[in-house]
């Protein structure tokens, strides 16, 4: 997961305390990076499927009843789903 996605999660209210990633200059802000388990738990039963694809561009999808979210890794796909589920 990259800094930008981790920051979006933080700014949207996702709370994590363990893994951290540092942002680019000039701020070097540090944000937490959730684990795959934390993301799955946060989505709860709204996550209907996590699928690994045989596609070099869209490697993983996280699915729920109203959409599909793609990512290079499973945590990125589920993070995008969580952001959609928690739009304000």
Protein backbone atom coordinates (compact mmCIF):
# COMPACT_ATOMS: atom_id res chain seq x y z
CA UNK A 1 0.00 0.00 0.00
CA UNK A 2 1.35 3.42 -0.84
CA UNK A 3 1.41 6.55 1.29
CA UNK A 4 -1.46 8.25 -0.58
CA UNK A 5 -3.90 5.40 0.02
CA UNK A 6 -2.83 5.04 3.67
CA UNK A 7 -3.40 8.80 4.13
CA UNK A 8 -6.86 8.54 2.55
CA UNK A 9 -7.73 5.81 5.04
CA UNK A 10 -6.45 7.91 7.94
CA UNK A 11 -8.32 11.00 6.75
CA UNK A 12 -11.52 8.95 6.42
CA UNK A 13 -11.33 7.72 10.00
CA UNK A 14 -9.65 4.32 9.74
CA UNK A 15 -7.73 3.77 12.98
CA UNK A 16 -4.54 1.72 13.00
CA UNK A 17 -1.71 1.65 15.51
CA UNK A 18 0.99 -0.65 14.15
CA UNK A 19 2.59 -0.43 10.70
CA UNK A 20 3.60 3.03 9.51
CA UNK A 21 4.68 4.64 6.26
CA UNK A 22 6.32 8.02 5.86
CA UNK A 23 5.10 10.58 3.35
CA UNK A 24 7.10 12.55 0.84
CA UNK A 25 8.96 15.79 1.56
CA UNK A 26 8.52 18.43 2.77
CA UNK A 27 6.21 17.10 5.54
CA UNK A 28 7.37 13.52 5.98
CA UNK A 29 4.07 12.90 7.76
CA UNK A 30 3.82 9.37 9.13
CA UNK A 31 0.56 7.48 8.69
CA UNK A 32 -0.44 4.02 9.79
CA UNK A 33 -0.93 1.21 7.32
CA UNK A 34 -3.63 -1.33 8.23
CA UNK A 35 -3.04 -5.03 7.86
CA UNK A 36 -5.14 -7.12 5.52
CA UNK A 37 -6.87 -8.65 8.55
CA UNK A 38 -7.79 -5.23 9.91
CA UNK A 39 -9.21 -4.15 6.54
CA UNK A 40 -11.27 -7.34 6.18
CA UNK A 41 -12.61 -6.98 9.71
CA UNK A 42 -13.48 -3.32 9.15
CA UNK A 43 -15.51 -4.15 6.03
CA UNK A 44 -17.39 -6.86 7.91
CA UNK A 45 -20.07 -8.75 6.06
CA UNK A 46 -20.22 -6.05 3.38
CA UNK A 47 -17.14 -7.65 1.78
CA UNK A 48 -18.62 -10.40 -0.36
CA UNK A 49 -15.53 -11.67 -2.17
CA UNK A 50 -11.80 -11.17 -2.47
CA UNK A 51 -10.57 -12.64 -5.74
CA UNK A 52 -7.11 -12.99 -7.23
CA UNK A 53 -7.26 -12.43 -10.98
CA UNK A 54 -5.02 -13.66 -13.76
CA UNK A 55 -4.55 -10.10 -15.00
CA UNK A 56 -1.29 -8.12 -14.86
CA UNK A 57 -3.10 -4.78 -14.43
CA UNK A 58 -5.93 -5.67 -12.04
CA UNK A 59 -4.48 -8.43 -9.86
CA UNK A 60 -7.07 -8.44 -7.04
CA UNK A 61 -10.72 -7.48 -6.67
CA UNK A 62 -12.74 -6.79 -3.54
CA UNK A 63 -16.45 -7.08 -4.20
CA UNK A 64 -19.61 -5.98 -2.46
CA UNK A 65 -23.20 -5.70 -3.61
CA UNK A 66 -22.76 -2.30 -5.29
CA UNK A 67 -19.31 -2.51 -6.82
CA UNK A 68 -15.93 -4.01 -7.44
CA UNK A 69 -12.61 -2.45 -6.43
CA UNK A 70 -9.27 -3.39 -7.97
CA UNK A 71 -5.73 -3.33 -6.63
CA UNK A 72 -2.23 -4.70 -7.15
CA UNK A 73 -2.51 -6.39 -3.75
CA UNK A 74 -5.48 -7.63 -1.71
CA UNK A 75 -5.02 -4.91 0.91
CA UNK A 76 -5.21 -2.17 -1.73
CA UNK A 77 -8.42 -3.60 -3.23
CA UNK A 78 -10.06 -3.88 0.20
CA UNK A 79 -8.82 -0.44 1.28
CA UNK A 80 -10.55 1.06 -1.77
CA UNK A 81 -13.72 -0.83 -0.85
CA UNK A 82 -13.54 0.44 2.75
CA UNK A 83 -13.13 4.03 1.51
CA UNK A 84 -16.24 3.63 -0.66
CA UNK A 85 -18.24 2.14 2.21
CA UNK A 86 -17.21 4.99 4.50
CA UNK A 87 -17.71 8.00 2.25
CA UNK A 88 -19.11 10.95 4.14
